[in-house]
Amino acid sequence: MTVIISDFVEAQLEDIYRYCAGIGHADYGNKVRANIIRQAHSLATFPRLGKIDEDDLGEHKYRYMIVGVHRVYYRINEENDTIVVVFLFDTRQDLDRLAKEFPE
C-alpha cells in the first residue's frame, strides 16, 4: 500500500515544528515530525496497525495510532491501495476539540 500524507497533516507537522522552534527546540520539532512521518509510512506494511476510532467522526471508518503524544488518524482505501493520513491530534488536548477540528 502507498501512504499519502494529506496537505492538512503536512501543515499540522509544520505547525508543530514552528511551535518547537519558537520556544528554542527546533531539533525536537524535527524529531517529532520525522517520527510521525516514519510511523505513518510503517502503515504501508501494517495498514491495520491502528485502532478503529470508536467515535467514528465521519462517514469514513478512521483508524488511529499513537505516536508520542499524538493520535495519527488515517483511513484505508482498499480500492486504490492507499492509506491517507488525515489528521493529527495532541492527546494532551481536550477531546471535544477533536470533533470541532477534524477535517471531513
Foldseek 3Di string as FASTA:
>chain_A
DAEAEDPVVVVVLVVQLCVCVVVPRNVVSVVQSVQVVVVSRVCLVVVCPFAFPPVCLDPATWGWDDGPQKTFIWGADPVVSYIYGQDIDRNVDDVVVCSVPRDD
